[in-house]
Amino acid sequence: MSPKFKTSIDEFVNRSALAEFILLAKQEDMGTDSRDVTSEAMIPDSQMAVAKFCAREIGVLAGTAILPMIAELYSDIAGPIHVRDAWCDGQDLSPGDVVAEVAGPLRGILAFERVALNFMTHLSGVATLTSQYVQYTAGTDADIFDTRKTIPGLRMLQKYAVRCGGGQTHRVGLYDAMLIKDNHIAGVSLDDLFDTVQSAAMRAREESPTLTVELEVDTLDQLRRVIDAGIDIVLLDNMSVQDLELAVGIRDQRSVGVELEASGGVTLDTVRAIAQTGVDRISVGSLTHSAPALDLGLDITS
């Protein structure tokens, strides 16, 4: 079965940097001496085993793409750990699905188990929540986007998981797109807003001509002032459904090429009504900062 949303982990992460991050997780769990004192006392160094990663609830898979790297970095415990028959990230899960199998020294498998599951359950939780938002907006023109509200160090993996769930990547960080937020214009009067925004956008594009420029507004008056200021996207922050509809009308009359993004307090209960207003984008911080882990387990089978 193919995933609904195909993407490559290499679009999001540098493998050398990811290996260093996994090694930090390993050291956190095993200490600087790489010890599992329980397995050392109970499991012969030569004992081999096979284990299966199993889904225990409905969801969307994310994280198997990094399993081989995690396994490789744990192969110094007692010997090589081999990952077999791994499902592609982005596939739908049902309870009982076996998403990957690992074979190798039991000591190594038991040491690798928790860190592997920590990555997979979290990333699959992000993909699952994203998929729910995407399903709730089906049939509208709105796409679901992530935000910068990510766990430090996990941003690119979380954004990968969002893509696995059918969501889209907002800017990666402060460096790859311009977003003029409320605090940037806190001291700017309504009368000066157009000139201030237009000048800032022009300065940014002098250095980076293809840079995306986005502006956050809180009111329809602000939107009316800046809609023609040469920006690509206007973020409509915490607006009611009624105001979002009015904003779409203003955009359609004044500047059809500008995209509108709804943001702020979006939930599964409200996202469809927001999408039906005609906005182009909906950004949801909870995709990454509040996604519950998806229940996966590792079972020793032989």
C-alpha atoms as a PDB file:
ATOM      1  CA  MET A   1       0.000   0.000   0.000  1.00  0.00           C
ATOM      2  CA  SER A   2       1.433   3.360  -1.047  1.00  0.00           C
ATOM      3  CA  PRO A   3       1.293   6.428   1.184  1.00  0.00           C
ATOM      4  CA  LYS A   4      -1.194   9.136   0.250  1.00  0.00           C
ATOM      5  CA  PHE A   5       1.444  11.843   0.613  1.00  0.00           C
ATOM      6  CA  LYS A   6       4.875  10.885  -0.648  1.00  0.00           C
ATOM      7  CA  THR A   7       7.899  12.794   0.577  1.00  0.00           C
ATOM      8  CA  SER A   8      11.563  12.134   1.205  1.00  0.00           C
ATOM      9  CA  ILE A   9      13.282  12.541   4.543  1.00  0.00           C
ATOM     10  CA  ASP A  10      16.269  13.973   2.660  1.00  0.00           C
ATOM     11  CA  GLU A  11      14.200  17.013   1.678  1.00  0.00           C
ATOM     12  CA  PHE A  12      14.093  17.973   5.340  1.00  0.00           C
ATOM     13  CA  VAL A  13      17.146  16.731   7.241  1.00  0.00           C
ATOM     14  CA  ASN A  14      20.886  16.600   6.876  1.00  0.00           C
ATOM     15  CA  ARG A  15      21.835  13.022   7.667  1.00  0.00           C
ATOM     16  CA  SER A  16      25.060  13.948   9.469  1.00  0.00           C
ATOM     17  CA  ALA A  17      23.216  16.400  11.719  1.00  0.00           C
ATOM     18  CA  LEU A  18      20.468  13.840  12.316  1.00  0.00           C
ATOM     19  CA  ALA A  19      23.031  11.202  13.295  1.00  0.00           C
ATOM     20  CA  GLU A  20      24.467  13.593  15.878  1.00  0.00           C
ATOM     21  CA  PHE A  21      20.994  14.238  17.257  1.00  0.00           C
ATOM     22  CA  ILE A  22      20.266  10.510  17.536  1.00  0.00           C
ATOM     23  CA  LEU A  23      23.590  10.008  19.302  1.00  0.00           C
ATOM     24  CA  LEU A  24      22.553  12.650  21.844  1.00  0.00           C
ATOM     25  CA  ALA A  25      19.324  10.729  22.440  1.00  0.00           C
ATOM     26  CA  LYS A  26      21.316   7.512  22.819  1.00  0.00           C
ATOM     27  CA  GLN A  27      23.721   9.089  25.297  1.00  0.00           C
ATOM     28  CA  GLU A  28      20.819  10.550  27.265  1.00  0.00           C
ATOM     29  CA  ASP A  29      19.404   7.027  27.615  1.00  0.00           C
ATOM     30  CA  MET A  30      22.576   4.962  28.047  1.00  0.00           C
ATOM     31  CA  GLY A  31      24.995   7.414  29.613  1.00  0.00           C
ATOM     32  CA  THR A  32      28.485   8.224  28.424  1.00  0.00           C
ATOM     33  CA  ASP A  33      29.556   4.576  28.768  1.00  0.00           C
ATOM     34  CA  SER A  34      26.681   3.266  26.591  1.00  0.00           C
ATOM     35  CA  ARG A  35      25.393   0.801  29.165  1.00  0.00           C
ATOM     36  CA  ASP A  36      22.091  -0.975  29.659  1.00  0.00           C
ATOM     37  CA  VAL A  37      22.679  -2.460  33.086  1.00  0.00           C
ATOM     38  CA  THR A  38      19.481  -4.532  33.001  1.00  0.00           C
ATOM     39  CA  SER A  39      20.259  -6.283  29.723  1.00  0.00           C
ATOM     40  CA  GLU A  40      23.895  -6.793  30.747  1.00  0.00           C
ATOM     41  CA  ALA A  41      22.693  -8.701  33.803  1.00  0.00           C
ATOM     42  CA  MET A  42      19.953 -10.700  32.072  1.00  0.00           C
ATOM     43  CA  ILE A  43      20.753 -11.205  28.368  1.00  0.00           C
ATOM     44  CA  PRO A  44      23.752 -13.171  27.024  1.00  0.00           C
ATOM     45  CA  ASP A  45      25.878 -11.075  24.695  1.00  0.00           C
ATOM     46  CA  SER A  46      25.413 -13.595  21.891  1.00  0.00           C
ATOM     47  CA  GLN A  47      21.606 -13.979  22.103  1.00  0.00           C
ATOM     48  CA  MET A  48      19.865 -13.042  18.852  1.00  0.00           C
ATOM     49  CA  ALA A  49      16.244 -11.986  18.341  1.00  0.00           C
ATOM     50  CA  VAL A  50      13.610 -10.725  15.923  1.00  0.00           C
ATOM     51  CA  ALA A  51      11.185  -7.971  16.907  1.00  0.00           C
ATOM     52  CA  LYS A  52       8.321  -6.158  15.216  1.00  0.00           C
ATOM     53  CA  PHE A  53       7.156  -2.563  15.426  1.00  0.00           C
ATOM     54  CA  CYS A  54       3.355  -2.699  15.675  1.00  0.00           C
ATOM     55  CA  ALA A  55       0.631  -0.061  15.537  1.00  0.00           C
ATOM     56  CA  ARG A  56      -1.767  -0.111  18.450  1.00  0.00           C
ATOM     57  CA  GLU A  57      -4.210   2.511  17.226  1.00  0.00           C
ATOM     58  CA  ILE A  58      -5.444   4.163  14.046  1.00  0.00           C
ATOM     59  CA  GLY A  59      -3.158   6.833  12.654  1.00  0.00           C
ATOM     60  CA  VAL A  60      -0.614   7.865  10.040  1.00  0.00           C
ATOM     61  CA  LEU A  61       2.940   6.558  10.075  1.00  0.00           C
ATOM     62  CA  ALA A  62       6.048   8.745  10.289  1.00  0.00           C
ATOM     63  CA  GLY A  63       9.529   7.793  11.449  1.00  0.00           C
ATOM     64  CA  THR A  64      10.390   4.529   9.712  1.00  0.00           C
ATOM     65  CA  ALA A  65      12.620   6.495   7.340  1.00  0.00           C
ATOM     66  CA  ILE A  66      15.097   7.075  10.167  1.00  0.00           C
ATOM     67  CA  LEU A  67      14.914   3.568  11.678  1.00  0.00           C
ATOM     68  CA  PRO A  68      17.927   2.257   9.703  1.00  0.00           C
ATOM     69  CA  MET A  69      20.058   5.154  10.933  1.00  0.00           C
ATOM     70  CA  ILE A  70      19.009   4.589  14.538  1.00  0.00           C
ATOM     71  CA  ALA A  71      19.709   0.864  14.203  1.00  0.00           C
ATOM     72  CA  GLU A  72      23.157   1.537  12.749  1.00  0.00           C
ATOM     73  CA  LEU A  73      24.066   3.839  15.620  1.00  0.00           C
ATOM     74  CA  TYR A  74      23.123   1.096  18.114  1.00  0.00           C
ATOM     75  CA  SER A  75      25.055  -1.649  16.356  1.00  0.00           C
ATOM     76  CA  ASP A  76      28.069  -1.036  18.596  1.00  0.00           C
ATOM     77  CA  ILE A  77      26.189  -2.529  21.571  1.00  0.00           C
ATOM     78  CA  ALA A  78      26.466  -6.185  20.535  1.00  0.00           C
ATOM     79  CA  GLY A  79      26.534  -6.259  16.744  1.00  0.00           C
ATOM     80  CA  PRO A  80      24.533  -5.141  13.671  1.00  0.00           C
ATOM     81  CA  ILE A  81      20.783  -4.543  13.920  1.00  0.00           C
ATOM     82  CA  HIS A  82      18.983  -5.017  10.616  1.00  0.00           C
ATOM     83  CA  VAL A  83      15.709  -3.250   9.707  1.00  0.00           C
ATOM     84  CA  ARG A  84      13.462  -5.234   7.364  1.00  0.00           C
ATOM     85  CA  ASP A  85      10.088  -4.806   5.663  1.00  0.00           C
ATOM     86  CA  ALA A  86       9.639  -1.215   6.821  1.00  0.00           C
ATOM     87  CA  TRP A  87       6.486   0.551   5.654  1.00  0.00           C
ATOM     88  CA  CYS A  88       6.767   3.898   3.940  1.00  0.00           C
ATOM     89  CA  ASP A  89       6.043   6.951   6.055  1.00  0.00           C
ATOM     90  CA  GLY A  90       2.678   8.502   5.261  1.00  0.00           C
ATOM     91  CA  GLN A  91       0.753   5.230   5.220  1.00  0.00           C
ATOM     92  CA  ASP A  92      -2.473   4.842   7.154  1.00  0.00           C
ATOM     93  CA  LEU A  93      -2.283   2.567  10.189  1.00  0.00           C
ATOM     94  CA  SER A  94      -4.734   0.239  11.882  1.00  0.00           C
ATOM     95  CA  PRO A  95      -4.234  -1.574  15.196  1.00  0.00           C
ATOM     96  CA  GLY A  96      -2.070  -4.647  14.678  1.00  0.00           C
ATOM     97  CA  ASP A  97      -0.246  -3.415  11.576  1.00  0.00           C
ATOM     98  CA  VAL A  98       3.409  -4.479  11.591  1.00  0.00           C
ATOM     99  CA  VAL A  99       5.258  -1.467  10.211  1.00  0.00           C
ATOM    100  CA  ALA A 100       8.829  -2.787  10.452  1.00  0.00           C
ATOM    101  CA  GLU A 101      10.849  -5.735  11.657  1.00  0.00           C
ATOM    102  CA  VAL A 102      14.291  -5.702  13.224  1.00  0.00           C
ATOM    103  CA  ALA A 103      16.732  -8.574  13.694  1.00  0.00           C
ATOM    104  CA  GLY A 104      20.007  -8.771  15.556  1.00  0.00           C
ATOM    105  CA  PRO A 105      21.471  -9.072  19.053  1.00  0.00           C
ATOM    106  CA  LEU A 106      18.748  -8.885  21.680  1.00  0.00           C
ATOM    107  CA  ARG A 107      20.849  -6.581  23.842  1.00  0.00           C
ATOM    108  CA  GLY A 108      21.115  -4.100  20.984  1.00  0.00           C
ATOM    109  CA  ILE A 109      17.425  -4.313  20.136  1.00  0.00           C
ATOM    110  CA  LEU A 110      16.421  -3.679  23.741  1.00  0.00           C
ATOM    111  CA  ALA A 111      18.791  -0.724  23.965  1.00  0.00           C
ATOM    112  CA  PHE A 112      17.531   0.745  20.693  1.00  0.00           C
ATOM    113  CA  GLU A 113      13.837   0.154  21.456  1.00  0.00           C
ATOM    114  CA  ARG A 114      12.906   3.223  23.480  1.00  0.00           C
ATOM    115  CA  VAL A 115      14.751   5.849  21.463  1.00  0.00           C
ATOM    116  CA  ALA A 116      13.346   4.411  18.217  1.00  0.00           C
ATOM    117  CA  LEU A 117       9.825   4.419  19.665  1.00  0.00           C
ATOM    118  CA  ASN A 118      10.238   7.932  21.062  1.00  0.00           C
ATOM    119  CA  PHE A 119      10.968   9.239  17.578  1.00  0.00           C
ATOM    120  CA  MET A 120       8.305   7.149  15.842  1.00  0.00           C
ATOM    121  CA  THR A 121       5.441   7.712  18.271  1.00  0.00           C
ATOM    122  CA  HIS A 122       5.994  11.458  18.296  1.00  0.00           C
ATOM    123  CA  LEU A 123       6.412  11.852  14.544  1.00  0.00           C
ATOM    124  CA  SER A 124       3.473   9.559  13.828  1.00  0.00           C
ATOM    125  CA  GLY A 125       1.404  11.634  16.242  1.00  0.00           C
ATOM    126  CA  VAL A 126       2.282  14.792  14.298  1.00  0.00           C
ATOM    127  CA  ALA A 127       1.433  13.087  10.984  1.00  0.00           C
ATOM    128  CA  THR A 128      -1.838  11.753  12.400  1.00  0.00           C
ATOM    129  CA  LEU A 129      -3.027  15.106  13.737  1.00  0.00           C
ATOM    130  CA  THR A 130      -2.061  16.808  10.488  1.00  0.00           C
ATOM    131  CA  SER A 131      -3.993  14.208   8.519  1.00  0.00           C
ATOM    132  CA  GLN A 132      -7.080  14.933  10.591  1.00  0.00           C
ATOM    133  CA  TYR A 133      -6.872  18.651   9.784  1.00  0.00           C
ATOM    134  CA  VAL A 134      -6.380  17.857   6.097  1.00  0.00           C
ATOM    135  CA  GLN A 135      -9.414  15.567   6.117  1.00  0.00           C
ATOM    136  CA  TYR A 136     -11.546  18.190   7.842  1.00  0.00           C
ATOM    137  CA  THR A 137     -10.764  20.728   5.102  1.00  0.00           C
ATOM    138  CA  ALA A 138     -11.265  18.343   2.159  1.00  0.00           C
ATOM    139  CA  GLY A 139     -13.182  19.911  -0.708  1.00  0.00           C
ATOM    140  CA  THR A 140     -12.079  23.467   0.104  1.00  0.00           C
ATOM    141  CA  ASP A 141      -9.247  25.493  -1.417  1.00  0.00           C
ATOM    142  CA  ALA A 142      -7.374  25.834   1.879  1.00  0.00           C
ATOM    143  CA  ASP A 143      -4.112  24.015   2.609  1.00  0.00           C
ATOM    144  CA  ILE A 144      -2.918  23.186   6.119  1.00  0.00           C
ATOM    145  CA  PHE A 145       0.460  24.633   7.132  1.00  0.00           C
ATOM    146  CA  ASP A 146       2.753  24.095  10.091  1.00  0.00           C
ATOM    147  CA  THR A 147       4.474  26.888  12.074  1.00  0.00           C
ATOM    148  CA  ARG A 148       7.742  27.563  13.913  1.00  0.00           C
ATOM    149  CA  LYS A 149       6.154  26.336  17.166  1.00  0.00           C
ATOM    150  CA  THR A 150       8.324  23.239  17.238  1.00  0.00           C
ATOM    151  CA  ILE A 151      10.362  21.319  19.793  1.00  0.00           C
ATOM    152  CA  PRO A 152      13.949  22.645  19.723  1.00  0.00           C
ATOM    153  CA  GLY A 153      16.139  20.302  17.707  1.00  0.00           C
ATOM    154  CA  LEU A 154      13.186  18.454  16.189  1.00  0.00           C
ATOM    155  CA  ARG A 155      11.906  21.144  13.816  1.00  0.00           C
ATOM    156  CA  MET A 156      12.856  19.517  10.531  1.00  0.00           C
ATOM    157  CA  LEU A 157      11.690  16.057  11.609  1.00  0.00           C
ATOM    158  CA  GLN A 158       8.396  17.541  12.748  1.00  0.00           C
ATOM    159  CA  LYS A 159       7.979  19.378   9.455  1.00  0.00           C
ATOM    160  CA  TYR A 160       8.708  16.105   7.668  1.00  0.00           C
ATOM    161  CA  ALA A 161       5.965  14.443   9.715  1.00  0.00           C
ATOM    162  CA  VAL A 162       3.550  17.254   8.828  1.00  0.00           C
ATOM    163  CA  ARG A 163       4.235  16.564   5.160  1.00  0.00           C
ATOM    164  CA  CYS A 164       3.652  12.834   5.741  1.00  0.00           C
ATOM    165  CA  GLY A 165       0.207  13.756   7.060  1.00  0.00           C
ATOM    166  CA  GLY A 166      -0.625  15.890   4.033  1.00  0.00           C
ATOM    167  CA  GLY A 167       0.259  19.300   5.436  1.00  0.00           C
ATOM    168  CA  GLN A 168       2.526  21.953   3.978  1.00  0.00           C
ATOM    169  CA  THR A 169       5.685  23.622   5.184  1.00  0.00           C
ATOM    170  CA  HIS A 170       5.475  27.219   6.286  1.00  0.00           C
ATOM    171  CA  ARG A 171       8.810  29.006   6.412  1.00  0.00           C
ATOM    172  CA  VAL A 172      11.497  26.846   7.996  1.00  0.00           C
ATOM    173  CA  GLY A 173      12.881  29.638  10.142  1.00  0.00           C
ATOM    174  CA  LEU A 174      13.693  33.310  10.275  1.00  0.00           C
ATOM    175  CA  TYR A 175      16.075  33.015   7.330  1.00  0.00           C
ATOM    176  CA  ASP A 176      14.056  31.628   4.419  1.00  0.00           C
ATOM    177  CA  ALA A 177      10.957  33.842   4.276  1.00  0.00           C
ATOM    178  CA  MET A 178       9.932  37.254   5.547  1.00  0.00           C
ATOM    179  CA  LEU A 179       7.058  37.463   8.014  1.00  0.00           C
ATOM    180  CA  ILE A 180       6.306  40.915   9.368  1.00  0.00           C
ATOM    181  CA  LYS A 181       4.493  40.239  12.629  1.00  0.00           C
ATOM    182  CA  ASP A 182       2.543  42.476  14.965  1.00  0.00           C
ATOM    183  CA  ASN A 183       5.608  43.215  17.101  1.00  0.00           C
ATOM    184  CA  HIS A 184       7.516  44.416  14.028  1.00  0.00           C
ATOM    185  CA  ILE A 185       4.872  47.071  13.359  1.00  0.00           C
ATOM    186  CA  ALA A 186       3.807  47.775  16.944  1.00  0.00           C
ATOM    187  CA  GLY A 187       4.886  51.419  16.722  1.00  0.00           C
ATOM    188  CA  VAL A 188       3.652  52.026  13.181  1.00  0.00           C
ATOM    189  CA  SER A 189       0.474  54.070  12.737  1.00  0.00           C
ATOM    190  CA  LEU A 190      -2.274  52.926  10.400  1.00  0.00           C
ATOM    191  CA  ASP A 191      -1.514  55.865   8.107  1.00  0.00           C
ATOM    192  CA  ASP A 192       2.151  54.858   7.829  1.00  0.00           C
ATOM    193  CA  LEU A 193       1.577  51.119   7.509  1.00  0.00           C
ATOM    194  CA  PHE A 194       1.514  50.937   3.696  1.00  0.00           C
ATOM    195  CA  ASP A 195       4.779  52.835   3.198  1.00  0.00           C
ATOM    196  CA  THR A 196       6.521  50.976   6.006  1.00  0.00           C
ATOM    197  CA  VAL A 197       5.576  47.540   4.696  1.00  0.00           C
ATOM    198  CA  GLN A 198       6.251  48.363   1.050  1.00  0.00           C
ATOM    199  CA  SER A 199       9.695  49.765   1.856  1.00  0.00           C
ATOM    200  CA  ALA A 200      10.613  46.755   3.971  1.00  0.00           C
ATOM    201  CA  ALA A 201       9.518  44.352   1.243  1.00  0.00           C
ATOM    202  CA  MET A 202      11.554  46.227  -1.365  1.00  0.00           C
ATOM    203  CA  ARG A 203      14.667  46.210   0.830  1.00  0.00           C
ATOM    204  CA  ALA A 204      14.362  42.488   1.464  1.00  0.00           C
ATOM    205  CA  ARG A 205      13.921  41.686  -2.215  1.00  0.00           C
ATOM    206  CA  GLU A 206      16.921  43.768  -3.228  1.00  0.00           C
ATOM    207  CA  GLU A 207      19.034  41.112  -1.534  1.00  0.00           C
ATOM    208  CA  SER A 208      16.774  38.112  -2.222  1.00  0.00           C
ATOM    209  CA  PRO A 209      14.542  38.767  -5.269  1.00  0.00           C
ATOM    210  CA  THR A 210      12.501  35.579  -4.867  1.00  0.00           C
ATOM    211  CA  LEU A 211      11.927  35.980  -1.131  1.00  0.00           C
ATOM    212  CA  THR A 212       8.341  35.399   0.006  1.00  0.00           C
ATOM    213  CA  VAL A 213       7.012  38.372   1.965  1.00  0.00           C
ATOM    214  CA  GLU A 214       4.151  37.908   4.423  1.00  0.00           C
ATOM    215  CA  LEU A 215       2.488  40.396   6.762  1.00  0.00           C
ATOM    216  CA  GLU A 216       0.411  39.665   9.848  1.00  0.00           C
ATOM    217  CA  VAL A 217      -2.644  41.869  10.426  1.00  0.00           C
ATOM    218  CA  ASP A 218      -5.156  41.930  13.239  1.00  0.00           C
ATOM    219  CA  THR A 219      -7.911  44.000  11.673  1.00  0.00           C
ATOM    220  CA  LEU A 220      -9.680  44.500   8.372  1.00  0.00           C
ATOM    221  CA  ASP A 221      -8.590  48.162   8.409  1.00  0.00           C
ATOM    222  CA  GLN A 222      -4.963  47.037   8.382  1.00  0.00           C
ATOM    223  CA  LEU A 223      -5.727  44.629   5.538  1.00  0.00           C
ATOM    224  CA  ARG A 224      -7.298  47.378   3.448  1.00  0.00           C
ATOM    225  CA  ARG A 225      -4.221  49.562   3.948  1.00  0.00           C
ATOM    226  CA  VAL A 226      -1.623  46.931   2.948  1.00  0.00           C
ATOM    227  CA  ILE A 227      -3.302  44.649   0.419  1.00  0.00           C
ATOM    228  CA  ASP A 228      -1.599  46.543  -2.449  1.00  0.00           C
ATOM    229  CA  ALA A 229       1.795  46.976  -0.739  1.00  0.00           C
ATOM    230  CA  GLY A 230       3.591  44.359  -2.810  1.00  0.00           C
ATOM    231  CA  ILE A 231       3.376  41.467  -0.364  1.00  0.00           C
ATOM    232  CA  ASP A 232       2.712  37.840  -1.244  1.00  0.00           C
ATOM    233  CA  ILE A 233       0.683  36.656   1.742  1.00  0.00           C
ATOM    234  CA  VAL A 234      -1.373  38.337   4.436  1.00  0.00           C
ATOM    235  CA  LEU A 235      -1.740  36.444   7.691  1.00  0.00           C
ATOM    236  CA  LEU A 236      -5.127  37.119   9.289  1.00  0.00           C
ATOM    237  CA  ASP A 237      -4.514  36.676  12.991  1.00  0.00           C
ATOM    238  CA  ASN A 238      -7.310  35.475  15.275  1.00  0.00           C
ATOM    239  CA  MET A 239     -10.108  36.792  13.071  1.00  0.00           C
ATOM    240  CA  SER A 240     -13.669  35.560  13.311  1.00  0.00           C
ATOM    241  CA  VAL A 241     -15.184  33.526  10.495  1.00  0.00           C
ATOM    242  CA  GLN A 242     -17.242  36.562   9.523  1.00  0.00           C
ATOM    243  CA  ASP A 243     -14.157  38.785   9.310  1.00  0.00           C
ATOM    244  CA  LEU A 244     -12.303  36.118   7.336  1.00  0.00           C
ATOM    245  CA  GLU A 245     -15.126  36.128   4.779  1.00  0.00           C
ATOM    246  CA  LEU A 246     -14.927  39.922   4.560  1.00  0.00           C
ATOM    247  CA  ALA A 247     -11.149  39.694   4.183  1.00  0.00           C
ATOM    248  CA  VAL A 248     -11.526  37.315   1.249  1.00  0.00           C
ATOM    249  CA  GLY A 249     -13.942  39.764  -0.351  1.00  0.00           C
ATOM    250  CA  ILE A 250     -11.475  42.626   0.081  1.00  0.00           C
ATOM    251  CA  ARG A 251      -8.685  40.559  -1.443  1.00  0.00           C
ATOM    252  CA  ASP A 252     -10.827  39.444  -4.379  1.00  0.00           C
ATOM    253  CA  GLN A 253     -11.749  43.047  -5.185  1.00  0.00           C
ATOM    254  CA  ARG A 254      -8.338  44.634  -4.663  1.00  0.00           C
ATOM    255  CA  SER A 255      -5.502  42.150  -5.229  1.00  0.00           C
ATOM    256  CA  VAL A 256      -6.402  38.678  -6.433  1.00  0.00           C
ATOM    257  CA  GLY A 257      -2.780  37.480  -6.459  1.00  0.00           C
ATOM    258  CA  VAL A 258      -2.296  37.911  -2.704  1.00  0.00           C
ATOM    259  CA  GLU A 259      -2.826  34.766  -0.645  1.00  0.00           C
ATOM    260  CA  LEU A 260      -4.678  34.909   2.661  1.00  0.00           C
ATOM    261  CA  GLU A 261      -3.647  32.803   5.625  1.00  0.00           C
ATOM    262  CA  ALA A 262      -5.845  32.268   8.672  1.00  0.00           C
ATOM    263  CA  SER A 263      -4.025  31.660  11.938  1.00  0.00           C
ATOM    264  CA  GLY A 264      -4.568  31.718  15.662  1.00  0.00           C
ATOM    265  CA  GLY A 265      -6.604  29.368  17.822  1.00  0.00           C
ATOM    266  CA  VAL A 266      -7.448  26.986  14.992  1.00  0.00           C
ATOM    267  CA  THR A 267      -8.882  23.658  16.192  1.00  0.00           C
ATOM    268  CA  LEU A 268     -10.450  20.621  14.597  1.00  0.00           C
ATOM    269  CA  ASP A 269     -13.812  22.016  15.667  1.00  0.00           C
ATOM    270  CA  THR A 270     -13.280  25.301  13.815  1.00  0.00           C
ATOM    271  CA  VAL A 271     -10.994  24.490  10.897  1.00  0.00           C
ATOM    272  CA  ARG A 272     -13.661  23.541   8.356  1.00  0.00           C
ATOM    273  CA  ALA A 273     -15.651  26.729   8.856  1.00  0.00           C
ATOM    274  CA  ILE A 274     -12.408  28.685   8.488  1.00  0.00           C
ATOM    275  CA  ALA A 275     -11.526  26.828   5.291  1.00  0.00           C
ATOM    276  CA  GLN A 276     -14.965  27.496   3.833  1.00  0.00           C
ATOM    277  CA  THR A 277     -14.419  31.263   4.045  1.00  0.00           C
ATOM    278  CA  GLY A 278     -12.174  31.067   0.985  1.00  0.00           C
ATOM    279  CA  VAL A 279      -8.779  31.602   2.610  1.00  0.00           C
ATOM    280  CA  ASP A 280      -5.870  29.913   0.859  1.00  0.00           C
ATOM    281  CA  ARG A 281      -3.882  28.761   3.859  1.00  0.00           C
ATOM    282  CA  ILE A 282      -4.518  27.794   7.473  1.00  0.00           C
ATOM    283  CA  SER A 283      -1.540  27.589   9.831  1.00  0.00           C
ATOM    284  CA  VAL A 284      -1.897  25.419  12.921  1.00  0.00           C
ATOM    285  CA  GLY A 285       0.671  25.554  15.717  1.00  0.00           C
ATOM    286  CA  SER A 286      -0.766  22.536  17.507  1.00  0.00           C
ATOM    287  CA  LEU A 287       0.387  20.229  14.699  1.00  0.00           C
ATOM    288  CA  THR A 288       3.839  20.323  16.228  1.00  0.00           C
ATOM    289  CA  HIS A 289       3.559  21.753  19.727  1.00  0.00           C
ATOM    290  CA  SER A 290       0.592  19.687  20.947  1.00  0.00           C
ATOM    291  CA  ALA A 291       0.264  16.526  18.860  1.00  0.00           C
ATOM    292  CA  PRO A 292      -0.340  13.485  21.092  1.00  0.00           C
ATOM    293  CA  ALA A 293       1.992  10.557  20.547  1.00  0.00           C
ATOM    294  CA  LEU A 294       0.593   7.700  18.475  1.00  0.00           C
ATOM    295  CA  ASP A 295       0.659   4.373  20.308  1.00  0.00           C
ATOM    296  CA  LEU A 296       3.257   2.067  18.704  1.00  0.00           C
ATOM    297  CA  GLY A 297       5.080  -0.803  20.336  1.00  0.00           C
ATOM    298  CA  LEU A 298       7.999  -3.154  19.786  1.00  0.00           C
ATOM    299  CA  ASP A 299       7.306  -6.832  20.405  1.00  0.00           C
ATOM    300  CA  ILE A 300       9.985  -9.516  20.554  1.00  0.00           C
ATOM    301  CA  THR A 301       8.776 -12.382  18.378  1.00  0.00           C
ATOM    302  CA  SER A 302      11.692 -14.834  18.516  1.00  0.00           C
END
